[in-house]
Amino acid sequence: VQDVTSFVNSAGVAAKIAHRSWPAHIARREFSRGLLFSSVAWASFAAALAMFLVLPPDLAAFAVGAMIVTTVASVGFVHAAGYTCSVFTQNVCVMAVAFSAESACIVCRNIPLTPSGKAGESQEWPERMKKTLRRS
C-alpha cells in the first residue's frame, strides 16, 4: 500500500486508494435499495388489498392513507438518520408497513361501533372516535 501511495503522490494525481472489493459493495448497496423499495411496495399493495376486502370502502381508503403516510415517514426517517440500504433496513421498512396497516385496521374497524360495541346505534363522530382510540 505504501508503494502505491507514494507512486500516486509522486505523479501529482488527486486519487484515493480503495480496496478492490469496493465496486462489489456499491453494486450490493444499489441492489439492496431496489429490493427495499420493491418489498415495501409489494407489502403496501398486499395490505391495501386486504383492507379493501375486509373494511367498508370509505374506511379502507382512510386506513390505506394512514398506512401510506406512516410508511413514507418511516422510510424517510431511515434515510434521514443515515442508515444504508441493507437487509436490516429492508426488514424494518416492511415491518413498518405491517404495523401501520394493523393499527389503521383496528382504528377503522372500531370507528362505526358505539361505546356499547353494537353497530347501528346513532352517535356523533367525536364520541365514536374517542371510544375507538380508548379501545386501541
N, C-alpha and C. Protein backbone atom coordinates (compact mmCIF):
# COMPACT_ATOMS: atom_id res chain seq x y z
N VAL A 1 0.84 -1.19 0.00
CA VAL A 1 0.00 0.00 0.00
C VAL A 1 0.88 1.24 0.00
N GLN A 2 1.99 1.22 0.75
CA GLN A 2 2.88 2.38 0.81
C GLN A 2 3.47 2.68 -0.57
N ASP A 3 3.80 1.64 -1.34
CA ASP A 3 4.36 1.86 -2.67
C ASP A 3 3.36 2.54 -3.58
N VAL A 4 2.11 2.09 -3.53
CA VAL A 4 1.07 2.68 -4.37
C VAL A 4 0.80 4.12 -3.95
N THR A 5 0.77 4.38 -2.65
CA THR A 5 0.53 5.72 -2.16
C THR A 5 1.64 6.67 -2.59
N SER A 6 2.87 6.25 -2.45
CA SER A 6 3.99 7.11 -2.85
C SER A 6 4.01 7.32 -4.37
N PHE A 7 3.63 6.30 -5.13
CA PHE A 7 3.56 6.44 -6.59
C PHE A 7 2.50 7.45 -6.99
N VAL A 8 1.32 7.38 -6.38
CA VAL A 8 0.23 8.31 -6.70
C VAL A 8 0.61 9.73 -6.31
N ASN A 9 1.23 9.88 -5.14
CA ASN A 9 1.63 11.21 -4.70
C ASN A 9 2.71 11.81 -5.60
N SER A 10 3.65 10.98 -6.06
CA SER A 10 4.71 11.49 -6.93
C SER A 10 4.19 11.83 -8.33
N ALA A 11 3.11 11.22 -8.74
CA ALA A 11 2.55 11.50 -10.07
C ALA A 11 1.78 12.81 -10.09
N GLY A 12 1.41 13.34 -8.92
CA GLY A 12 0.67 14.60 -8.88
C GLY A 12 -0.79 14.44 -9.26
N VAL A 13 -1.32 13.26 -9.11
CA VAL A 13 -2.71 12.98 -9.44
C VAL A 13 -3.52 12.90 -8.15
N ALA A 14 -4.66 13.59 -8.12
CA ALA A 14 -5.53 13.52 -6.95
C ALA A 14 -6.32 12.22 -7.02
N ALA A 15 -5.96 11.29 -6.17
CA ALA A 15 -6.62 9.98 -6.19
C ALA A 15 -6.70 9.43 -4.78
N LYS A 16 -7.67 8.57 -4.57
CA LYS A 16 -7.81 7.88 -3.29
C LYS A 16 -7.73 6.39 -3.55
N ILE A 17 -7.12 5.72 -2.62
CA ILE A 17 -6.96 4.28 -2.76
C ILE A 17 -8.17 3.59 -2.13
N ALA A 18 -8.71 2.63 -2.85
CA ALA A 18 -9.84 1.84 -2.34
C ALA A 18 -9.52 0.37 -2.55
N HIS A 19 -10.12 -0.43 -1.71
CA HIS A 19 -9.93 -1.87 -1.83
C HIS A 19 -10.59 -2.36 -3.10
N ARG A 20 -10.10 -3.45 -3.66
CA ARG A 20 -10.66 -3.93 -4.93
C ARG A 20 -12.08 -4.47 -4.78
N SER A 21 -12.54 -4.67 -3.55
CA SER A 21 -13.92 -5.12 -3.36
C SER A 21 -14.91 -3.95 -3.35
N TRP A 22 -14.42 -2.72 -3.46
CA TRP A 22 -15.29 -1.54 -3.41
C TRP A 22 -16.43 -1.59 -4.43
N PRO A 23 -16.18 -1.93 -5.70
CA PRO A 23 -17.30 -2.00 -6.66
C PRO A 23 -18.37 -3.02 -6.26
N ALA A 24 -17.96 -4.11 -5.63
CA ALA A 24 -18.95 -5.10 -5.19
C ALA A 24 -19.83 -4.54 -4.09
N HIS A 25 -19.26 -3.74 -3.19
CA HIS A 25 -20.06 -3.11 -2.13
C HIS A 25 -21.05 -2.12 -2.71
N ILE A 26 -20.62 -1.34 -3.68
CA ILE A 26 -21.51 -0.36 -4.32
C ILE A 26 -22.64 -1.08 -5.05
N ALA A 27 -22.31 -2.14 -5.78
CA ALA A 27 -23.35 -2.89 -6.50
C ALA A 27 -24.34 -3.52 -5.53
N ARG A 28 -23.85 -4.05 -4.41
CA ARG A 28 -24.75 -4.65 -3.42
C ARG A 28 -25.67 -3.60 -2.81
N ARG A 29 -25.13 -2.41 -2.57
CA ARG A 29 -25.94 -1.33 -1.99
C ARG A 29 -27.05 -0.92 -2.97
N GLU A 30 -26.71 -0.78 -4.24
CA GLU A 30 -27.71 -0.40 -5.24
C GLU A 30 -28.78 -1.49 -5.38
N PHE A 31 -28.35 -2.76 -5.35
CA PHE A 31 -29.30 -3.87 -5.43
C PHE A 31 -30.21 -3.87 -4.21
N SER A 32 -29.64 -3.63 -3.03
CA SER A 32 -30.44 -3.61 -1.79
C SER A 32 -31.44 -2.48 -1.80
N ARG A 33 -31.08 -1.32 -2.36
CA ARG A 33 -32.01 -0.20 -2.43
C ARG A 33 -33.22 -0.57 -3.29
N GLY A 34 -32.98 -1.16 -4.44
CA GLY A 34 -34.08 -1.58 -5.29
C GLY A 34 -34.95 -2.63 -4.61
N LEU A 35 -34.32 -3.55 -3.90
CA LEU A 35 -35.05 -4.57 -3.17
C LEU A 35 -35.90 -3.96 -2.06
N LEU A 36 -35.36 -2.96 -1.38
CA LEU A 36 -36.08 -2.30 -0.30
C LEU A 36 -37.37 -1.67 -0.83
N PHE A 37 -37.26 -0.89 -1.91
CA PHE A 37 -38.44 -0.20 -2.43
C PHE A 37 -39.45 -1.17 -3.03
N SER A 38 -38.99 -2.23 -3.69
CA SER A 38 -39.95 -3.19 -4.25
C SER A 38 -40.63 -3.97 -3.13
N SER A 39 -39.90 -4.32 -2.07
CA SER A 39 -40.51 -5.04 -0.95
C SER A 39 -41.56 -4.19 -0.25
N VAL A 40 -41.23 -2.92 -0.02
CA VAL A 40 -42.20 -2.02 0.63
C VAL A 40 -43.42 -1.82 -0.26
N ALA A 41 -43.21 -1.69 -1.56
CA ALA A 41 -44.34 -1.51 -2.48
C ALA A 41 -45.25 -2.74 -2.50
N TRP A 42 -44.67 -3.94 -2.57
CA TRP A 42 -45.49 -5.16 -2.58
C TRP A 42 -46.21 -5.37 -1.25
N ALA A 43 -45.54 -5.08 -0.14
CA ALA A 43 -46.18 -5.21 1.17
C ALA A 43 -47.33 -4.22 1.30
N SER A 44 -47.13 -3.00 0.82
CA SER A 44 -48.19 -1.98 0.88
C SER A 44 -49.37 -2.38 0.00
N PHE A 45 -49.07 -2.92 -1.18
CA PHE A 45 -50.15 -3.36 -2.08
C PHE A 45 -50.96 -4.49 -1.45
N ALA A 46 -50.27 -5.46 -0.86
CA ALA A 46 -50.97 -6.59 -0.23
C ALA A 46 -51.81 -6.13 0.95
N ALA A 47 -51.27 -5.22 1.76
CA ALA A 47 -52.02 -4.71 2.91
C ALA A 47 -53.22 -3.90 2.45
N ALA A 48 -53.05 -3.08 1.42
CA ALA A 48 -54.18 -2.28 0.90
C ALA A 48 -55.27 -3.19 0.33
N LEU A 49 -54.87 -4.22 -0.38
CA LEU A 49 -55.85 -5.16 -0.93
C LEU A 49 -56.63 -5.84 0.20
N ALA A 50 -55.92 -6.26 1.23
CA ALA A 50 -56.59 -6.90 2.36
C ALA A 50 -57.55 -5.93 3.05
N MET A 51 -57.15 -4.67 3.17
CA MET A 51 -58.03 -3.68 3.81
C MET A 51 -59.30 -3.47 3.01
N PHE A 52 -59.16 -3.40 1.69
CA PHE A 52 -60.36 -3.19 0.86
C PHE A 52 -61.26 -4.42 0.84
N LEU A 53 -60.70 -5.58 1.18
CA LEU A 53 -61.52 -6.78 1.24
C LEU A 53 -62.30 -6.90 2.55
N VAL A 54 -61.74 -6.39 3.65
CA VAL A 54 -62.38 -6.61 4.95
C VAL A 54 -63.03 -5.37 5.56
N LEU A 55 -62.73 -4.19 5.04
CA LEU A 55 -63.32 -2.96 5.58
C LEU A 55 -64.26 -2.33 4.57
N PRO A 56 -65.21 -1.52 5.03
CA PRO A 56 -66.02 -0.74 4.09
C PRO A 56 -65.11 0.18 3.26
N PRO A 57 -65.48 0.49 2.03
CA PRO A 57 -64.59 1.24 1.14
C PRO A 57 -64.10 2.58 1.69
N ASP A 58 -64.98 3.34 2.36
CA ASP A 58 -64.54 4.64 2.86
C ASP A 58 -63.52 4.48 3.99
N LEU A 59 -63.74 3.51 4.87
CA LEU A 59 -62.80 3.27 5.95
C LEU A 59 -61.51 2.63 5.44
N ALA A 60 -61.64 1.80 4.42
CA ALA A 60 -60.44 1.19 3.83
C ALA A 60 -59.56 2.26 3.20
N ALA A 61 -60.17 3.23 2.53
CA ALA A 61 -59.39 4.31 1.92
C ALA A 61 -58.68 5.13 3.00
N PHE A 62 -59.37 5.38 4.11
CA PHE A 62 -58.75 6.09 5.23
C PHE A 62 -57.58 5.28 5.79
N ALA A 63 -57.77 3.98 5.97
CA ALA A 63 -56.72 3.12 6.52
C ALA A 63 -55.52 3.04 5.58
N VAL A 64 -55.76 2.94 4.28
CA VAL A 64 -54.67 2.90 3.32
C VAL A 64 -53.90 4.22 3.33
N GLY A 65 -54.62 5.33 3.42
CA GLY A 65 -53.95 6.63 3.51
C GLY A 65 -53.07 6.74 4.75
N ALA A 66 -53.60 6.28 5.88
CA ALA A 66 -52.81 6.31 7.12
C ALA A 66 -51.59 5.41 7.01
N MET A 67 -51.76 4.25 6.38
CA MET A 67 -50.64 3.33 6.21
C MET A 67 -49.57 3.94 5.31
N ILE A 68 -49.97 4.60 4.24
CA ILE A 68 -49.01 5.20 3.32
C ILE A 68 -48.24 6.33 4.00
N VAL A 69 -48.95 7.18 4.74
CA VAL A 69 -48.28 8.28 5.43
C VAL A 69 -47.27 7.75 6.44
N THR A 70 -47.66 6.75 7.21
CA THR A 70 -46.76 6.18 8.20
C THR A 70 -45.56 5.50 7.55
N THR A 71 -45.77 4.80 6.47
CA THR A 71 -44.68 4.12 5.77
C THR A 71 -43.70 5.12 5.17
N VAL A 72 -44.22 6.16 4.54
CA VAL A 72 -43.34 7.18 3.96
C VAL A 72 -42.53 7.87 5.05
N ALA A 73 -43.17 8.15 6.19
CA ALA A 73 -42.45 8.76 7.31
C ALA A 73 -41.37 7.82 7.84
N SER A 74 -41.66 6.54 7.92
CA SER A 74 -40.66 5.58 8.42
C SER A 74 -39.47 5.47 7.48
N VAL A 75 -39.74 5.33 6.20
CA VAL A 75 -38.65 5.23 5.22
C VAL A 75 -37.87 6.54 5.19
N GLY A 76 -38.56 7.67 5.30
CA GLY A 76 -37.88 8.96 5.34
C GLY A 76 -36.99 9.10 6.56
N PHE A 77 -37.45 8.61 7.71
CA PHE A 77 -36.63 8.66 8.91
C PHE A 77 -35.39 7.79 8.76
N VAL A 78 -35.55 6.61 8.18
CA VAL A 78 -34.40 5.72 7.97
C VAL A 78 -33.38 6.41 7.07
N HIS A 79 -33.87 7.08 6.04
CA HIS A 79 -32.96 7.79 5.13
C HIS A 79 -32.31 8.99 5.82
N ALA A 80 -33.11 9.77 6.56
CA ALA A 80 -32.58 10.96 7.23
C ALA A 80 -31.58 10.59 8.33
N ALA A 81 -31.78 9.45 8.96
CA ALA A 81 -30.87 9.02 10.01
C ALA A 81 -29.55 8.51 9.45
N GLY A 82 -29.49 8.32 8.14
CA GLY A 82 -28.25 7.93 7.50
C GLY A 82 -28.00 6.43 7.42
N TYR A 83 -29.02 5.63 7.65
CA TYR A 83 -28.84 4.19 7.53
C TYR A 83 -28.67 3.81 6.07
N THR A 84 -27.80 2.87 5.80
CA THR A 84 -27.62 2.39 4.43
C THR A 84 -28.67 1.33 4.13
N CYS A 85 -28.89 1.09 2.86
CA CYS A 85 -29.85 0.07 2.46
C CYS A 85 -29.22 -1.30 2.68
N SER A 86 -29.82 -2.06 3.56
CA SER A 86 -29.33 -3.41 3.84
C SER A 86 -30.54 -4.29 4.11
N VAL A 87 -30.27 -5.53 4.40
CA VAL A 87 -31.36 -6.46 4.73
C VAL A 87 -32.07 -6.00 6.00
N PHE A 88 -31.31 -5.46 6.94
CA PHE A 88 -31.90 -4.97 8.19
C PHE A 88 -32.87 -3.82 7.94
N THR A 89 -32.45 -2.82 7.17
CA THR A 89 -33.35 -1.69 6.91
C THR A 89 -34.54 -2.13 6.06
N GLN A 90 -34.34 -3.10 5.19
CA GLN A 90 -35.45 -3.62 4.40
C GLN A 90 -36.50 -4.25 5.32
N ASN A 91 -36.05 -5.05 6.27
CA ASN A 91 -36.98 -5.67 7.22
C ASN A 91 -37.69 -4.63 8.07
N VAL A 92 -36.96 -3.62 8.51
CA VAL A 92 -37.56 -2.56 9.33
C VAL A 92 -38.66 -1.84 8.54
N CYS A 93 -38.40 -1.53 7.29
CA CYS A 93 -39.40 -0.80 6.49
C CYS A 93 -40.62 -1.67 6.17
N VAL A 94 -40.41 -2.95 5.91
CA VAL A 94 -41.55 -3.84 5.65
C VAL A 94 -42.38 -4.03 6.93
N MET A 95 -41.70 -4.13 8.07
CA MET A 95 -42.43 -4.23 9.34
C MET A 95 -43.18 -2.94 9.65
N ALA A 96 -42.65 -1.80 9.21
CA ALA A 96 -43.37 -0.53 9.39
C ALA A 96 -44.69 -0.56 8.64
N VAL A 97 -44.68 -1.14 7.45
CA VAL A 97 -45.92 -1.30 6.68
C VAL A 97 -46.89 -2.18 7.46
N ALA A 98 -46.41 -3.29 7.97
CA ALA A 98 -47.28 -4.24 8.68
C ALA A 98 -47.87 -3.61 9.94
N PHE A 99 -47.04 -2.94 10.73
CA PHE A 99 -47.54 -2.35 11.97
C PHE A 99 -48.51 -1.21 11.70
N SER A 100 -48.21 -0.37 10.71
CA SER A 100 -49.12 0.74 10.43
C SER A 100 -50.43 0.24 9.83
N ALA A 101 -50.38 -0.80 9.01
CA ALA A 101 -51.61 -1.36 8.45
C ALA A 101 -52.46 -1.98 9.55
N GLU A 102 -51.82 -2.68 10.48
CA GLU A 102 -52.55 -3.33 11.56
C GLU A 102 -53.23 -2.30 12.47
N SER A 103 -52.51 -1.25 12.84
CA SER A 103 -53.12 -0.25 13.73
C SER A 103 -54.20 0.54 13.00
N ALA A 104 -54.01 0.83 11.72
CA ALA A 104 -55.04 1.53 10.96
C ALA A 104 -56.31 0.68 10.84
N CYS A 105 -56.14 -0.63 10.66
CA CYS A 105 -57.30 -1.52 10.58
C CYS A 105 -58.06 -1.57 11.90
N ILE A 106 -57.33 -1.60 13.01
CA ILE A 106 -58.00 -1.64 14.31
C ILE A 106 -58.82 -0.38 14.52
N VAL A 107 -58.23 0.77 14.22
CA VAL A 107 -58.96 2.03 14.40
C VAL A 107 -60.17 2.08 13.48
N CYS A 108 -59.99 1.73 12.21
CA CYS A 108 -61.10 1.82 11.26
C CYS A 108 -62.18 0.77 11.53
N ARG A 109 -61.80 -0.35 12.07
CA ARG A 109 -62.80 -1.37 12.39
C ARG A 109 -63.69 -0.90 13.54
N ASN A 110 -63.12 -0.14 14.47
CA ASN A 110 -63.87 0.29 15.64
C ASN A 110 -64.59 1.63 15.47
N ILE A 111 -64.34 2.36 14.41
CA ILE A 111 -64.98 3.67 14.23
C ILE A 111 -66.50 3.57 14.19
N PRO A 112 -67.10 2.64 13.44
CA PRO A 112 -68.57 2.62 13.38
C PRO A 112 -69.22 2.12 14.66
N LEU A 113 -68.47 1.54 15.57
CA LEU A 113 -69.07 0.98 16.78
C LEU A 113 -69.33 2.05 17.82
N THR A 114 -70.34 1.84 18.60
CA THR A 114 -70.68 2.74 19.68
C THR A 114 -70.01 2.27 20.95
N PRO A 115 -70.07 3.05 22.06
CA PRO A 115 -69.44 2.61 23.29
C PRO A 115 -69.92 1.25 23.78
N SER A 116 -71.16 0.90 23.46
CA SER A 116 -71.65 -0.40 23.88
C SER A 116 -71.10 -1.53 23.00
N GLY A 117 -70.48 -1.15 21.87
CA GLY A 117 -69.91 -2.16 20.98
C GLY A 117 -70.90 -2.67 19.95
N LYS A 118 -72.07 -2.07 19.88
CA LYS A 118 -73.08 -2.53 18.93
C LYS A 118 -73.19 -1.54 17.79
N ALA A 119 -73.12 -2.03 16.58
CA ALA A 119 -73.27 -1.16 15.42
C ALA A 119 -74.74 -0.79 15.26
N GLY A 120 -74.99 0.33 14.65
CA GLY A 120 -76.35 0.73 14.35
C GLY A 120 -76.90 1.79 15.27
N GLU A 121 -76.41 1.91 16.48
CA GLU A 121 -76.88 2.97 17.37
C GLU A 121 -76.28 4.28 16.90
N SER A 122 -77.12 5.30 16.80
CA SER A 122 -76.62 6.58 16.31
C SER A 122 -75.80 7.26 17.40
N GLN A 123 -74.68 7.78 17.01
CA GLN A 123 -73.82 8.51 17.93
C GLN A 123 -72.96 9.45 17.09
N GLU A 124 -72.60 10.56 17.66
CA GLU A 124 -71.81 11.55 16.94
C GLU A 124 -70.38 11.06 16.72
N TRP A 125 -69.76 11.59 15.68
CA TRP A 125 -68.41 11.21 15.31
C TRP A 125 -67.40 11.39 16.44
N PRO A 126 -67.38 12.53 17.15
CA PRO A 126 -66.36 12.69 18.20
C PRO A 126 -66.44 11.62 19.29
N GLU A 127 -67.65 11.25 19.69
CA GLU A 127 -67.79 10.22 20.73
C GLU A 127 -67.30 8.86 20.23
N ARG A 128 -67.65 8.53 18.98
CA ARG A 128 -67.19 7.26 18.42
C ARG A 128 -65.67 7.22 18.31
N MET A 129 -65.06 8.34 17.89
CA MET A 129 -63.61 8.38 17.75
C MET A 129 -62.92 8.27 19.11
N LYS A 130 -63.45 8.95 20.13
CA LYS A 130 -62.87 8.84 21.47
C LYS A 130 -62.92 7.40 21.96
N LYS A 131 -64.05 6.75 21.75
CA LYS A 131 -64.19 5.36 22.19
C LYS A 131 -63.23 4.45 21.42
N THR A 132 -63.08 4.70 20.15
CA THR A 132 -62.18 3.89 19.32
C THR A 132 -60.75 4.03 19.80
N LEU A 133 -60.33 5.25 20.08
CA LEU A 133 -58.95 5.47 20.49
C LEU A 133 -58.69 4.92 21.89
N ARG A 134 -59.70 4.89 22.74
CA ARG A 134 -59.52 4.28 24.07
C ARG A 134 -59.39 2.77 23.94
N ARG A 135 -60.08 2.15 22.97
CA ARG A 135 -60.02 0.71 22.78
C ARG A 135 -58.71 0.23 22.17
N SER A 136 -58.09 1.06 21.33
CA SER A 136 -56.89 0.64 20.59
C SER A 136 -55.70 0.58 21.42
